Amino acid sequence: MRTSKSAGGRPRESRVDTAIAAAVTGVLAESGYAALTVDAVAARAGVSKATIYRRFATKQEMTFAVVLHDLDEAPPADTGTLEGDLGALIERIGEQLSRSGSDVMTGLLADIRADATLTERFTTTYLAVERSVIGELLDRAIARGDLTRRPDPAITQALLLGPLFAWIVVLDEDPARAPELARIVARMVSDALAAGVVPADPS
């Protein structure tokens, strides 16, 4: 989890961010997602609940930012090829999902989907950030001449995320093999995008 700024623009204390992240990770490792509460994290991190709520509106946002990514997610470095860029991104996705664990992701997603307000908030924040990262990779590929048009970022996101999510969360397979799967997915998706199989960006 990166150190970022508060809503007012003042940099937050990295020490506090680190303490919160360590507390979330510790509670999840010891007791699982069901036992994770803002109270438990605040007590373990040695901070007030208000300190946590200045950073995250809900327990779900706190969990997502710590075990997956925050709102400062940036595209991977330019590798020079579409397949290389996609491979770097998918490896990152695999690392994030492996770090979270299938039980954490199952509980987190169940919480989000059960609340329409949470669903909308995550769609317009964290998922939008992920899609913007993919969009930047597609724009790079167009600039290099790897693609002749911009594919639909939403479909591209599903193609990239789906196999890793199924492997780690749904099938609960060995996370250590995620990089192997990532290389296969990168080749398949880059070939599909270059062949024009994926529909164009509707926007």
N, C-alpha and C. Protein backbone atom coordinates (compact mmCIF):
# COMPACT_ATOMS: atom_id res chain seq x y z
N MET A 1 0.86 -1.20 0.00
CA MET A 1 0.00 0.00 0.00
C MET A 1 0.88 1.24 0.00
N ARG A 2 0.64 2.13 -0.94
CA ARG A 2 1.47 3.33 -1.03
C ARG A 2 1.03 4.38 -0.02
N THR A 3 1.95 5.28 0.29
CA THR A 3 1.60 6.44 1.10
C THR A 3 0.99 7.47 0.17
N SER A 4 -0.20 7.95 0.50
CA SER A 4 -0.86 8.92 -0.37
C SER A 4 -1.28 10.13 0.44
N LYS A 5 -2.06 10.99 -0.19
CA LYS A 5 -2.46 12.23 0.47
C LYS A 5 -3.90 12.12 0.95
N SER A 6 -4.20 12.87 1.95
CA SER A 6 -5.56 12.93 2.45
C SER A 6 -6.38 13.80 1.52
N ALA A 7 -7.70 13.85 1.78
CA ALA A 7 -8.58 14.62 0.90
C ALA A 7 -8.17 16.07 0.83
N GLY A 8 -7.58 16.59 1.90
CA GLY A 8 -7.19 17.99 1.91
C GLY A 8 -5.87 18.26 1.25
N GLY A 9 -5.19 17.21 0.79
CA GLY A 9 -3.94 17.39 0.08
C GLY A 9 -2.70 17.29 0.95
N ARG A 10 -2.88 17.12 2.28
CA ARG A 10 -1.71 17.01 3.16
C ARG A 10 -1.20 15.58 3.15
N PRO A 11 0.10 15.36 2.94
CA PRO A 11 0.62 14.00 2.93
C PRO A 11 0.34 13.29 4.24
N ARG A 12 -0.08 12.03 4.15
CA ARG A 12 -0.34 11.25 5.34
C ARG A 12 0.97 10.71 5.89
N GLU A 13 0.94 10.29 7.13
CA GLU A 13 2.13 9.74 7.76
C GLU A 13 2.35 8.32 7.28
N SER A 14 3.52 8.05 6.68
CA SER A 14 3.80 6.72 6.18
C SER A 14 3.88 5.72 7.32
N ARG A 15 4.30 6.16 8.49
CA ARG A 15 4.39 5.27 9.65
C ARG A 15 3.01 4.73 10.01
N VAL A 16 2.01 5.60 9.97
CA VAL A 16 0.65 5.18 10.29
C VAL A 16 0.10 4.25 9.21
N ASP A 17 0.34 4.59 7.95
CA ASP A 17 -0.11 3.73 6.86
C ASP A 17 0.49 2.34 6.97
N THR A 18 1.78 2.30 7.30
CA THR A 18 2.47 1.01 7.44
C THR A 18 1.90 0.21 8.61
N ALA A 19 1.61 0.89 9.70
CA ALA A 19 1.05 0.22 10.88
C ALA A 19 -0.33 -0.35 10.57
N ILE A 20 -1.14 0.40 9.85
CA ILE A 20 -2.48 -0.08 9.49
C ILE A 20 -2.37 -1.29 8.57
N ALA A 21 -1.51 -1.20 7.56
CA ALA A 21 -1.34 -2.32 6.63
C ALA A 21 -0.86 -3.57 7.36
N ALA A 22 0.10 -3.40 8.27
CA ALA A 22 0.60 -4.55 9.03
C ALA A 22 -0.48 -5.14 9.91
N ALA A 23 -1.31 -4.29 10.47
CA ALA A 23 -2.40 -4.77 11.34
C ALA A 23 -3.43 -5.55 10.54
N VAL A 24 -3.81 -5.04 9.38
CA VAL A 24 -4.76 -5.75 8.52
C VAL A 24 -4.20 -7.12 8.15
N THR A 25 -2.96 -7.14 7.70
CA THR A 25 -2.33 -8.40 7.31
C THR A 25 -2.26 -9.37 8.48
N GLY A 26 -1.93 -8.85 9.66
CA GLY A 26 -1.82 -9.70 10.84
C GLY A 26 -3.14 -10.31 11.25
N VAL A 27 -4.19 -9.50 11.28
CA VAL A 27 -5.51 -10.01 11.66
C VAL A 27 -6.00 -11.05 10.65
N LEU A 28 -5.81 -10.77 9.37
CA LEU A 28 -6.23 -11.73 8.34
C LEU A 28 -5.49 -13.05 8.49
N ALA A 29 -4.20 -12.98 8.74
CA ALA A 29 -3.39 -14.20 8.85
C ALA A 29 -3.79 -15.02 10.08
N GLU A 30 -4.11 -14.34 11.17
CA GLU A 30 -4.40 -15.04 12.42
C GLU A 30 -5.86 -15.47 12.54
N SER A 31 -6.78 -14.63 12.06
CA SER A 31 -8.19 -14.88 12.33
C SER A 31 -9.08 -14.95 11.10
N GLY A 32 -8.57 -14.55 9.94
CA GLY A 32 -9.38 -14.59 8.73
C GLY A 32 -10.20 -13.34 8.51
N TYR A 33 -10.83 -13.27 7.33
CA TYR A 33 -11.56 -12.07 6.95
C TYR A 33 -12.77 -11.81 7.85
N ALA A 34 -13.45 -12.85 8.27
CA ALA A 34 -14.66 -12.68 9.07
C ALA A 34 -14.38 -11.95 10.37
N ALA A 35 -13.18 -12.12 10.91
CA ALA A 35 -12.82 -11.49 12.19
C ALA A 35 -12.20 -10.11 12.01
N LEU A 36 -12.01 -9.70 10.76
CA LEU A 36 -11.37 -8.40 10.51
C LEU A 36 -12.38 -7.28 10.74
N THR A 37 -12.09 -6.39 11.67
CA THR A 37 -12.92 -5.22 11.92
C THR A 37 -12.03 -4.00 12.05
N VAL A 38 -12.62 -2.84 11.89
CA VAL A 38 -11.86 -1.60 12.06
C VAL A 38 -11.37 -1.49 13.50
N ASP A 39 -12.18 -1.94 14.44
CA ASP A 39 -11.77 -1.92 15.85
C ASP A 39 -10.51 -2.76 16.06
N ALA A 40 -10.51 -3.97 15.49
CA ALA A 40 -9.38 -4.87 15.67
C ALA A 40 -8.11 -4.29 15.03
N VAL A 41 -8.26 -3.69 13.86
CA VAL A 41 -7.11 -3.10 13.17
C VAL A 41 -6.59 -1.89 13.94
N ALA A 42 -7.49 -1.04 14.42
CA ALA A 42 -7.09 0.15 15.17
C ALA A 42 -6.31 -0.24 16.43
N ALA A 43 -6.82 -1.24 17.16
CA ALA A 43 -6.15 -1.67 18.38
C ALA A 43 -4.77 -2.24 18.08
N ARG A 44 -4.68 -3.04 17.05
CA ARG A 44 -3.41 -3.67 16.71
C ARG A 44 -2.40 -2.66 16.17
N ALA A 45 -2.88 -1.68 15.41
CA ALA A 45 -1.99 -0.68 14.82
C ALA A 45 -1.63 0.42 15.80
N GLY A 46 -2.38 0.52 16.91
CA GLY A 46 -2.12 1.58 17.88
C GLY A 46 -2.57 2.94 17.40
N VAL A 47 -3.66 2.95 16.64
CA VAL A 47 -4.21 4.21 16.14
C VAL A 47 -5.69 4.26 16.49
N SER A 48 -6.30 5.41 16.30
CA SER A 48 -7.73 5.53 16.56
C SER A 48 -8.53 5.08 15.34
N LYS A 49 -9.80 4.73 15.56
CA LYS A 49 -10.67 4.39 14.45
C LYS A 49 -10.83 5.59 13.52
N ALA A 50 -10.85 6.79 14.08
CA ALA A 50 -10.97 7.99 13.25
C ALA A 50 -9.82 8.11 12.27
N THR A 51 -8.62 7.70 12.71
CA THR A 51 -7.45 7.74 11.84
C THR A 51 -7.66 6.82 10.64
N ILE A 52 -8.22 5.66 10.89
CA ILE A 52 -8.48 4.72 9.80
C ILE A 52 -9.57 5.26 8.87
N TYR A 53 -10.63 5.80 9.46
CA TYR A 53 -11.74 6.28 8.63
C TYR A 53 -11.38 7.54 7.83
N ARG A 54 -10.32 8.24 8.23
CA ARG A 54 -9.83 9.35 7.39
C ARG A 54 -9.20 8.82 6.12
N ARG A 55 -8.79 7.58 6.15
CA ARG A 55 -8.14 6.96 5.00
C ARG A 55 -9.09 6.10 4.18
N PHE A 56 -9.96 5.39 4.87
CA PHE A 56 -10.85 4.45 4.20
C PHE A 56 -12.27 4.61 4.74
N ALA A 57 -13.23 4.63 3.83
CA ALA A 57 -14.62 4.83 4.24
C ALA A 57 -15.21 3.58 4.89
N THR A 58 -14.70 2.41 4.49
CA THR A 58 -15.25 1.15 5.00
C THR A 58 -14.14 0.13 5.24
N LYS A 59 -14.49 -0.92 5.97
CA LYS A 59 -13.59 -2.05 6.18
C LYS A 59 -13.20 -2.66 4.84
N GLN A 60 -14.14 -2.72 3.92
CA GLN A 60 -13.87 -3.34 2.62
C GLN A 60 -12.83 -2.56 1.82
N GLU A 61 -12.93 -1.24 1.84
CA GLU A 61 -11.94 -0.43 1.14
C GLU A 61 -10.56 -0.58 1.78
N MET A 62 -10.52 -0.61 3.09
CA MET A 62 -9.26 -0.81 3.80
C MET A 62 -8.62 -2.14 3.39
N THR A 63 -9.43 -3.18 3.36
CA THR A 63 -8.91 -4.50 3.00
C THR A 63 -8.41 -4.53 1.57
N PHE A 64 -9.21 -4.00 0.65
CA PHE A 64 -8.84 -4.00 -0.77
C PHE A 64 -7.52 -3.26 -0.97
N ALA A 65 -7.39 -2.08 -0.36
CA ALA A 65 -6.19 -1.26 -0.54
C ALA A 65 -4.95 -1.94 0.01
N VAL A 66 -5.09 -2.70 1.09
CA VAL A 66 -3.93 -3.35 1.70
C VAL A 66 -3.54 -4.62 0.95
N VAL A 67 -4.51 -5.49 0.67
CA VAL A 67 -4.15 -6.80 0.10
C VAL A 67 -4.07 -6.80 -1.42
N LEU A 68 -4.71 -5.81 -2.08
CA LEU A 68 -4.65 -5.76 -3.53
C LEU A 68 -3.93 -4.50 -3.99
N HIS A 69 -4.65 -3.41 -4.14
CA HIS A 69 -3.98 -2.16 -4.54
C HIS A 69 -4.82 -0.98 -4.09
N ASP A 70 -4.15 0.17 -4.00
CA ASP A 70 -4.86 1.39 -3.62
C ASP A 70 -5.23 2.18 -4.87
N LEU A 71 -5.60 3.44 -4.70
CA LEU A 71 -6.04 4.24 -5.84
C LEU A 71 -4.90 4.89 -6.60
N ASP A 72 -3.66 4.62 -6.17
CA ASP A 72 -2.50 5.16 -6.88
C ASP A 72 -1.87 4.13 -7.81
N GLU A 73 -2.59 3.07 -8.12
CA GLU A 73 -2.07 2.01 -8.99
C GLU A 73 -1.62 2.60 -10.32
N ALA A 74 -0.39 2.27 -10.71
CA ALA A 74 0.19 2.81 -11.94
C ALA A 74 0.49 1.68 -12.92
N PRO A 75 0.52 1.97 -14.22
CA PRO A 75 0.85 0.93 -15.20
C PRO A 75 2.27 0.42 -15.00
N PRO A 76 2.56 -0.83 -15.37
CA PRO A 76 3.94 -1.31 -15.31
C PRO A 76 4.80 -0.58 -16.32
N ALA A 77 6.09 -0.67 -16.15
CA ALA A 77 7.03 -0.01 -17.06
C ALA A 77 6.84 -0.50 -18.49
N ASP A 78 7.12 0.37 -19.44
CA ASP A 78 6.98 0.05 -20.86
C ASP A 78 8.05 -0.97 -21.24
N THR A 79 7.61 -2.18 -21.64
CA THR A 79 8.55 -3.23 -22.01
C THR A 79 8.93 -3.17 -23.49
N GLY A 80 8.19 -2.39 -24.27
CA GLY A 80 8.47 -2.28 -25.69
C GLY A 80 7.56 -3.11 -26.57
N THR A 81 6.78 -4.01 -25.97
CA THR A 81 5.85 -4.83 -26.74
C THR A 81 4.53 -4.95 -25.99
N LEU A 82 3.46 -5.19 -26.71
CA LEU A 82 2.15 -5.38 -26.09
C LEU A 82 2.17 -6.63 -25.21
N GLU A 83 2.72 -7.71 -25.71
CA GLU A 83 2.74 -8.95 -24.92
C GLU A 83 3.55 -8.76 -23.65
N GLY A 84 4.68 -8.05 -23.75
CA GLY A 84 5.49 -7.80 -22.56
C GLY A 84 4.78 -6.95 -21.54
N ASP A 85 4.08 -5.91 -22.00
CA ASP A 85 3.33 -5.05 -21.08
C ASP A 85 2.21 -5.82 -20.40
N LEU A 86 1.48 -6.63 -21.18
CA LEU A 86 0.40 -7.42 -20.61
C LEU A 86 0.95 -8.45 -19.62
N GLY A 87 2.08 -9.04 -19.97
CA GLY A 87 2.70 -10.02 -19.08
C GLY A 87 3.07 -9.41 -17.74
N ALA A 88 3.65 -8.21 -17.79
CA ALA A 88 4.03 -7.53 -16.55
C ALA A 88 2.82 -7.21 -15.70
N LEU A 89 1.72 -6.78 -16.37
CA LEU A 89 0.51 -6.44 -15.63
C LEU A 89 -0.14 -7.70 -15.03
N ILE A 90 -0.19 -8.77 -15.79
CA ILE A 90 -0.83 -9.99 -15.30
C ILE A 90 -0.02 -10.59 -14.14
N GLU A 91 1.30 -10.52 -14.22
CA GLU A 91 2.12 -11.00 -13.11
C GLU A 91 1.80 -10.21 -11.84
N ARG A 92 1.62 -8.91 -11.99
CA ARG A 92 1.25 -8.08 -10.83
C ARG A 92 -0.11 -8.51 -10.28
N ILE A 93 -1.07 -8.75 -11.17
CA ILE A 93 -2.39 -9.20 -10.74
C ILE A 93 -2.27 -10.52 -9.98
N GLY A 94 -1.45 -11.43 -10.50
CA GLY A 94 -1.25 -12.71 -9.85
C GLY A 94 -0.65 -12.56 -8.46
N GLU A 95 0.32 -11.67 -8.34
CA GLU A 95 0.94 -11.42 -7.03
C GLU A 95 -0.08 -10.86 -6.04
N GLN A 96 -0.91 -9.93 -6.51
CA GLN A 96 -1.91 -9.32 -5.64
C GLN A 96 -2.94 -10.34 -5.18
N LEU A 97 -3.43 -11.16 -6.10
CA LEU A 97 -4.42 -12.17 -5.74
C LEU A 97 -3.82 -13.24 -4.84
N SER A 98 -2.57 -13.62 -5.10
CA SER A 98 -1.91 -14.62 -4.27
C SER A 98 -1.71 -14.10 -2.86
N ARG A 99 -1.39 -12.82 -2.75
CA ARG A 99 -1.17 -12.21 -1.44
C ARG A 99 -2.46 -12.14 -0.63
N SER A 100 -3.58 -11.97 -1.31
CA SER A 100 -4.85 -11.82 -0.60
C SER A 100 -5.37 -13.15 -0.09
N GLY A 101 -5.23 -14.20 -0.87
CA GLY A 101 -5.76 -15.49 -0.46
C GLY A 101 -7.20 -15.66 -0.90
N SER A 102 -7.58 -16.90 -1.21
CA SER A 102 -8.92 -17.15 -1.74
C SER A 102 -10.01 -16.85 -0.71
N ASP A 103 -9.77 -17.14 0.56
CA ASP A 103 -10.81 -16.90 1.56
C ASP A 103 -11.07 -15.41 1.77
N VAL A 104 -10.00 -14.62 1.73
CA VAL A 104 -10.16 -13.17 1.89
C VAL A 104 -10.93 -12.59 0.70
N MET A 105 -10.55 -12.99 -0.51
CA MET A 105 -11.21 -12.46 -1.69
C MET A 105 -12.68 -12.88 -1.73
N THR A 106 -12.97 -14.11 -1.33
CA THR A 106 -14.35 -14.57 -1.34
C THR A 106 -15.21 -13.74 -0.39
N GLY A 107 -14.72 -13.51 0.83
CA GLY A 107 -15.46 -12.72 1.79
C GLY A 107 -15.59 -11.27 1.39
N LEU A 108 -14.50 -10.70 0.87
CA LEU A 108 -14.50 -9.30 0.46
C LEU A 108 -15.49 -9.06 -0.68
N LEU A 109 -15.45 -9.90 -1.69
CA LEU A 109 -16.35 -9.73 -2.83
C LEU A 109 -17.80 -9.97 -2.45
N ALA A 110 -18.02 -10.90 -1.53
CA ALA A 110 -19.40 -11.13 -1.07
C ALA A 110 -19.95 -9.89 -0.38
N ASP A 111 -19.12 -9.25 0.44
CA ASP A 111 -19.53 -8.01 1.11
C ASP A 111 -19.86 -6.92 0.10
N ILE A 112 -18.99 -6.77 -0.88
CA ILE A 112 -19.17 -5.70 -1.86
C ILE A 112 -20.43 -5.92 -2.69
N ARG A 113 -20.64 -7.15 -3.14
CA ARG A 113 -21.79 -7.44 -4.00
C ARG A 113 -23.11 -7.41 -3.24
N ALA A 114 -23.05 -7.57 -1.93
CA ALA A 114 -24.28 -7.58 -1.13
C ALA A 114 -24.80 -6.18 -0.84
N ASP A 115 -24.01 -5.17 -1.14
CA ASP A 115 -24.39 -3.79 -0.83
C ASP A 115 -24.27 -2.96 -2.10
N ALA A 116 -25.39 -2.47 -2.61
CA ALA A 116 -25.38 -1.73 -3.88
C ALA A 116 -24.52 -0.48 -3.80
N THR A 117 -24.49 0.16 -2.64
CA THR A 117 -23.67 1.36 -2.49
C THR A 117 -22.19 1.03 -2.57
N LEU A 118 -21.80 -0.08 -1.91
CA LEU A 118 -20.40 -0.52 -1.97
C LEU A 118 -20.03 -0.92 -3.39
N THR A 119 -20.94 -1.61 -4.05
CA THR A 119 -20.67 -2.04 -5.43
C THR A 119 -20.40 -0.84 -6.32
N GLU A 120 -21.26 0.16 -6.23
CA GLU A 120 -21.10 1.37 -7.04
C GLU A 120 -19.80 2.09 -6.71
N ARG A 121 -19.48 2.18 -5.43
CA ARG A 121 -18.25 2.87 -5.02
C ARG A 121 -17.01 2.17 -5.54
N PHE A 122 -16.97 0.84 -5.43
CA PHE A 122 -15.81 0.10 -5.91
C PHE A 122 -15.70 0.15 -7.43
N THR A 123 -16.85 0.14 -8.10
CA THR A 123 -16.84 0.21 -9.56
C THR A 123 -16.25 1.53 -10.05
N THR A 124 -16.57 2.62 -9.36
CA THR A 124 -16.13 3.94 -9.80
C THR A 124 -14.78 4.35 -9.21
N THR A 125 -14.21 3.52 -8.36
CA THR A 125 -12.89 3.85 -7.78
C THR A 125 -11.87 2.79 -8.15
N TYR A 126 -11.80 1.72 -7.40
CA TYR A 126 -10.75 0.71 -7.60
C TYR A 126 -10.82 0.03 -8.97
N LEU A 127 -12.01 -0.38 -9.38
CA LEU A 127 -12.12 -1.03 -10.68
C LEU A 127 -11.85 -0.04 -11.82
N ALA A 128 -12.25 1.21 -11.64
CA ALA A 128 -11.97 2.23 -12.64
C ALA A 128 -10.47 2.48 -12.77
N VAL A 129 -9.76 2.44 -11.65
CA VAL A 129 -8.31 2.60 -11.68
C VAL A 129 -7.68 1.45 -12.47
N GLU A 130 -8.13 0.23 -12.21
CA GLU A 130 -7.60 -0.92 -12.93
C GLU A 130 -7.83 -0.76 -14.44
N ARG A 131 -9.03 -0.33 -14.80
CA ARG A 131 -9.35 -0.19 -16.22
C ARG A 131 -8.54 0.92 -16.88
N SER A 132 -8.24 1.98 -16.13
CA SER A 132 -7.44 3.06 -16.69
C SER A 132 -6.00 2.59 -16.94
N VAL A 133 -5.49 1.72 -16.07
CA VAL A 133 -4.16 1.15 -16.28
C VAL A 133 -4.14 0.33 -17.57
N ILE A 134 -5.16 -0.48 -17.77
CA ILE A 134 -5.25 -1.28 -18.99
C ILE A 134 -5.37 -0.36 -20.21
N GLY A 135 -6.15 0.70 -20.08
CA GLY A 135 -6.30 1.64 -21.18
C GLY A 135 -4.97 2.27 -21.58
N GLU A 136 -4.13 2.57 -20.59
CA GLU A 136 -2.82 3.14 -20.92
C GLU A 136 -1.95 2.15 -21.67
N LEU A 137 -2.01 0.88 -21.29
CA LEU A 137 -1.24 -0.14 -22.02
C LEU A 137 -1.73 -0.26 -23.46
N LEU A 138 -3.04 -0.18 -23.65
CA LEU A 138 -3.59 -0.26 -25.01
C LEU A 138 -3.16 0.95 -25.83
N ASP A 139 -3.16 2.12 -25.22
CA ASP A 139 -2.74 3.33 -25.93
C ASP A 139 -1.26 3.26 -26.31
N ARG A 140 -0.45 2.69 -25.42
CA ARG A 140 0.97 2.49 -25.75
C ARG A 140 1.10 1.61 -26.99
N ALA A 141 0.33 0.52 -27.02
CA ALA A 141 0.41 -0.42 -28.13
C ALA A 141 0.00 0.24 -29.44
N ILE A 142 -1.00 1.11 -29.39
CA ILE A 142 -1.42 1.84 -30.59
C ILE A 142 -0.32 2.77 -31.06
N ALA A 143 0.31 3.47 -30.11
CA ALA A 143 1.38 4.41 -30.45
C ALA A 143 2.57 3.68 -31.07
N ARG A 144 2.84 2.45 -30.62
CA ARG A 144 3.96 1.67 -31.16
C ARG A 144 3.62 1.02 -32.49
N GLY A 145 2.33 0.95 -32.82
CA GLY A 145 1.90 0.27 -34.02
C GLY A 145 1.57 -1.19 -33.80
N ASP A 146 1.53 -1.63 -32.53
CA ASP A 146 1.17 -3.02 -32.22
C ASP A 146 -0.32 -3.25 -32.46
N LEU A 147 -1.12 -2.20 -32.29
CA LEU A 147 -2.56 -2.29 -32.52
C LEU A 147 -2.98 -1.18 -33.48
N THR A 148 -4.00 -1.46 -34.29
CA THR A 148 -4.48 -0.45 -35.23
C THR A 148 -5.69 0.31 -34.69
N ARG A 149 -6.32 -0.23 -33.64
CA ARG A 149 -7.45 0.44 -33.01
C ARG A 149 -7.46 0.09 -31.53
N ARG A 150 -8.24 0.85 -30.76
CA ARG A 150 -8.28 0.64 -29.31
C ARG A 150 -9.34 -0.41 -28.97
N PRO A 151 -8.94 -1.55 -28.42
CA PRO A 151 -9.92 -2.57 -28.03
C PRO A 151 -10.71 -2.11 -26.81
N ASP A 152 -11.82 -2.74 -26.57
CA ASP A 152 -12.67 -2.43 -25.42
C ASP A 152 -11.91 -2.75 -24.13
N PRO A 153 -11.61 -1.73 -23.30
CA PRO A 153 -10.86 -1.99 -22.07
C PRO A 153 -11.58 -2.91 -21.10
N ALA A 154 -12.92 -2.86 -21.09
CA ALA A 154 -13.68 -3.71 -20.17
C ALA A 154 -13.52 -5.19 -20.53
N ILE A 155 -13.61 -5.51 -21.80
CA ILE A 155 -13.43 -6.90 -22.23
C ILE A 155 -11.99 -7.32 -22.02
N THR A 156 -11.06 -6.42 -22.32
CA THR A 156 -9.65 -6.73 -22.09
C THR A 156 -9.38 -7.00 -20.62
N GLN A 157 -9.99 -6.22 -19.75
CA GLN A 157 -9.83 -6.42 -18.31
C GLN A 157 -10.33 -7.81 -17.91
N ALA A 158 -11.48 -8.21 -18.44
CA ALA A 158 -12.03 -9.54 -18.12
C ALA A 158 -11.11 -10.65 -18.62
N LEU A 159 -10.54 -10.48 -19.80
CA LEU A 159 -9.66 -11.50 -20.35
C LEU A 159 -8.39 -11.65 -19.52
N LEU A 160 -7.89 -10.53 -19.01
CA LEU A 160 -6.66 -10.56 -18.22
C LEU A 160 -6.90 -11.11 -16.82
N LEU A 161 -7.96 -10.64 -16.19
CA LEU A 161 -8.21 -10.99 -14.79
C LEU A 161 -8.82 -12.38 -14.62
N GLY A 162 -9.69 -12.77 -15.55
CA GLY A 162 -10.45 -14.00 -15.40
C GLY A 162 -9.64 -15.25 -15.09
N PRO A 163 -8.64 -15.59 -15.91
CA PRO A 163 -7.89 -16.82 -15.65
C PRO A 163 -7.15 -16.81 -14.31
N LEU A 164 -6.55 -15.67 -13.94
CA LEU A 164 -5.84 -15.61 -12.67
C LEU A 164 -6.81 -15.71 -11.51
N PHE A 165 -7.95 -15.04 -11.61
CA PHE A 165 -8.95 -15.08 -10.56
C PHE A 165 -9.48 -16.51 -10.39
N ALA A 166 -9.74 -17.16 -11.51
CA ALA A 166 -10.23 -18.54 -11.45
C ALA A 166 -9.18 -19.46 -10.81
N TRP A 167 -7.94 -19.29 -11.18
CA TRP A 167 -6.86 -20.15 -10.68
C TRP A 167 -6.67 -20.01 -9.17
N ILE A 168 -6.60 -18.76 -8.71
CA ILE A 168 -6.24 -18.51 -7.32
C ILE A 168 -7.44 -18.50 -6.39
N VAL A 169 -8.55 -17.89 -6.82
CA VAL A 169 -9.70 -17.70 -5.93
C VAL A 169 -10.74 -18.81 -6.09
N VAL A 170 -11.14 -19.11 -7.32
CA VAL A 170 -12.22 -20.08 -7.54
C VAL A 170 -11.70 -21.51 -7.38
N LEU A 171 -10.61 -21.84 -8.07
CA LEU A 171 -10.08 -23.20 -8.03
C LEU A 171 -9.13 -23.45 -6.87
N ASP A 172 -8.65 -22.35 -6.25
CA ASP A 172 -7.74 -22.45 -5.10
C ASP A 172 -6.51 -23.30 -5.43
N GLU A 173 -5.94 -23.06 -6.61
CA GLU A 173 -4.74 -23.78 -7.04
C GLU A 173 -3.48 -23.12 -6.48
N ASP A 174 -2.34 -23.73 -6.74
CA ASP A 174 -1.07 -23.28 -6.19
C ASP A 174 -0.71 -21.89 -6.71
N PRO A 175 -0.66 -20.87 -5.85
CA PRO A 175 -0.31 -19.51 -6.30
C PRO A 175 1.10 -19.44 -6.89
N ALA A 176 1.97 -20.36 -6.50
CA ALA A 176 3.34 -20.33 -7.01
C ALA A 176 3.38 -20.54 -8.53
N ARG A 177 2.32 -21.11 -9.08
CA ARG A 177 2.28 -21.35 -10.52
C ARG A 177 1.61 -20.21 -11.28
N ALA A 178 1.21 -19.17 -10.56
CA ALA A 178 0.54 -18.04 -11.21
C ALA A 178 1.41 -17.38 -12.29
N PRO A 179 2.73 -17.20 -12.09
CA PRO A 179 3.54 -16.59 -13.16
C PRO A 179 3.52 -17.41 -14.45
N GLU A 180 3.48 -18.74 -14.31
CA GLU A 180 3.39 -19.61 -15.49
C GLU A 180 2.10 -19.35 -16.25
N LEU A 181 1.00 -19.27 -15.51
CA LEU A 181 -0.29 -18.97 -16.13
C LEU A 181 -0.29 -17.56 -16.72
N ALA A 182 0.35 -16.61 -16.04
CA ALA A 182 0.39 -15.23 -16.52
C ALA A 182 1.03 -15.14 -17.91
N ARG A 183 2.10 -15.89 -18.11
CA ARG A 183 2.77 -15.86 -19.42
C ARG A 183 1.86 -16.40 -20.52
N ILE A 184 1.12 -17.44 -20.21
CA ILE A 184 0.20 -18.01 -21.19
C ILE A 184 -0.91 -17.02 -21.52
N VAL A 185 -1.48 -16.41 -20.49
CA VAL A 185 -2.57 -15.46 -20.69
C VAL A 185 -2.09 -14.25 -21.49
N ALA A 186 -0.88 -13.77 -21.19
CA ALA A 186 -0.34 -12.61 -21.92
C ALA A 186 -0.22 -12.91 -23.40
N ARG A 187 0.24 -14.09 -23.73
CA ARG A 187 0.37 -14.46 -25.15
C ARG A 187 -1.01 -14.56 -25.81
N MET A 188 -1.93 -15.21 -25.14
CA MET A 188 -3.27 -15.39 -25.72
C MET A 188 -3.99 -14.06 -25.91
N VAL A 189 -3.94 -13.20 -24.90
CA VAL A 189 -4.65 -11.93 -24.99
C VAL A 189 -4.02 -11.00 -26.01
N SER A 190 -2.69 -10.94 -26.04
CA SER A 190 -2.01 -10.07 -27.01
C SER A 190 -2.32 -10.53 -28.44
N ASP A 191 -2.36 -11.84 -28.66
CA ASP A 191 -2.70 -12.37 -29.99
C ASP A 191 -4.14 -12.00 -30.35
N ALA A 192 -5.04 -12.12 -29.38
CA ALA A 192 -6.45 -11.80 -29.64
C ALA A 192 -6.64 -10.32 -29.95
N LEU A 193 -5.93 -9.47 -29.21
CA LEU A 193 -6.04 -8.03 -29.45
C LEU A 193 -5.46 -7.65 -30.80
N ALA A 194 -4.30 -8.22 -31.13
CA ALA A 194 -3.65 -7.89 -32.40
C ALA A 194 -4.47 -8.40 -33.60
N ALA A 195 -5.18 -9.49 -33.40
CA ALA A 195 -5.99 -10.06 -34.48
C ALA A 195 -7.33 -9.35 -34.65
N GLY A 196 -7.62 -8.43 -33.74
CA GLY A 196 -8.88 -7.69 -33.84
C GLY A 196 -10.08 -8.48 -33.40
N VAL A 197 -9.86 -9.56 -32.62
CA VAL A 197 -10.96 -10.37 -32.13
C VAL A 197 -11.80 -9.63 -31.09
N VAL A 198 -11.12 -8.84 -30.27
CA VAL A 198 -11.81 -8.08 -29.22
C VAL A 198 -12.50 -6.86 -29.84
N PRO A 199 -13.76 -6.63 -29.55
CA PRO A 199 -14.46 -5.47 -30.11
C PRO A 199 -13.76 -4.15 -29.77
N ALA A 200 -14.01 -3.15 -30.60
CA ALA A 200 -13.41 -1.84 -30.37
C ALA A 200 -14.02 -1.15 -29.16
N ASP A 201 -13.27 -0.24 -28.60
CA ASP A 201 -13.73 0.55 -27.46
C ASP A 201 -15.00 1.29 -27.85
N PRO A 202 -16.12 1.00 -27.17
CA PRO A 202 -17.39 1.67 -27.56
C PRO A 202 -17.42 3.16 -27.27
N SER A 203 -16.49 3.62 -26.44
CA SER A 203 -16.49 5.07 -26.12
C SER A 203 -15.77 5.85 -27.20
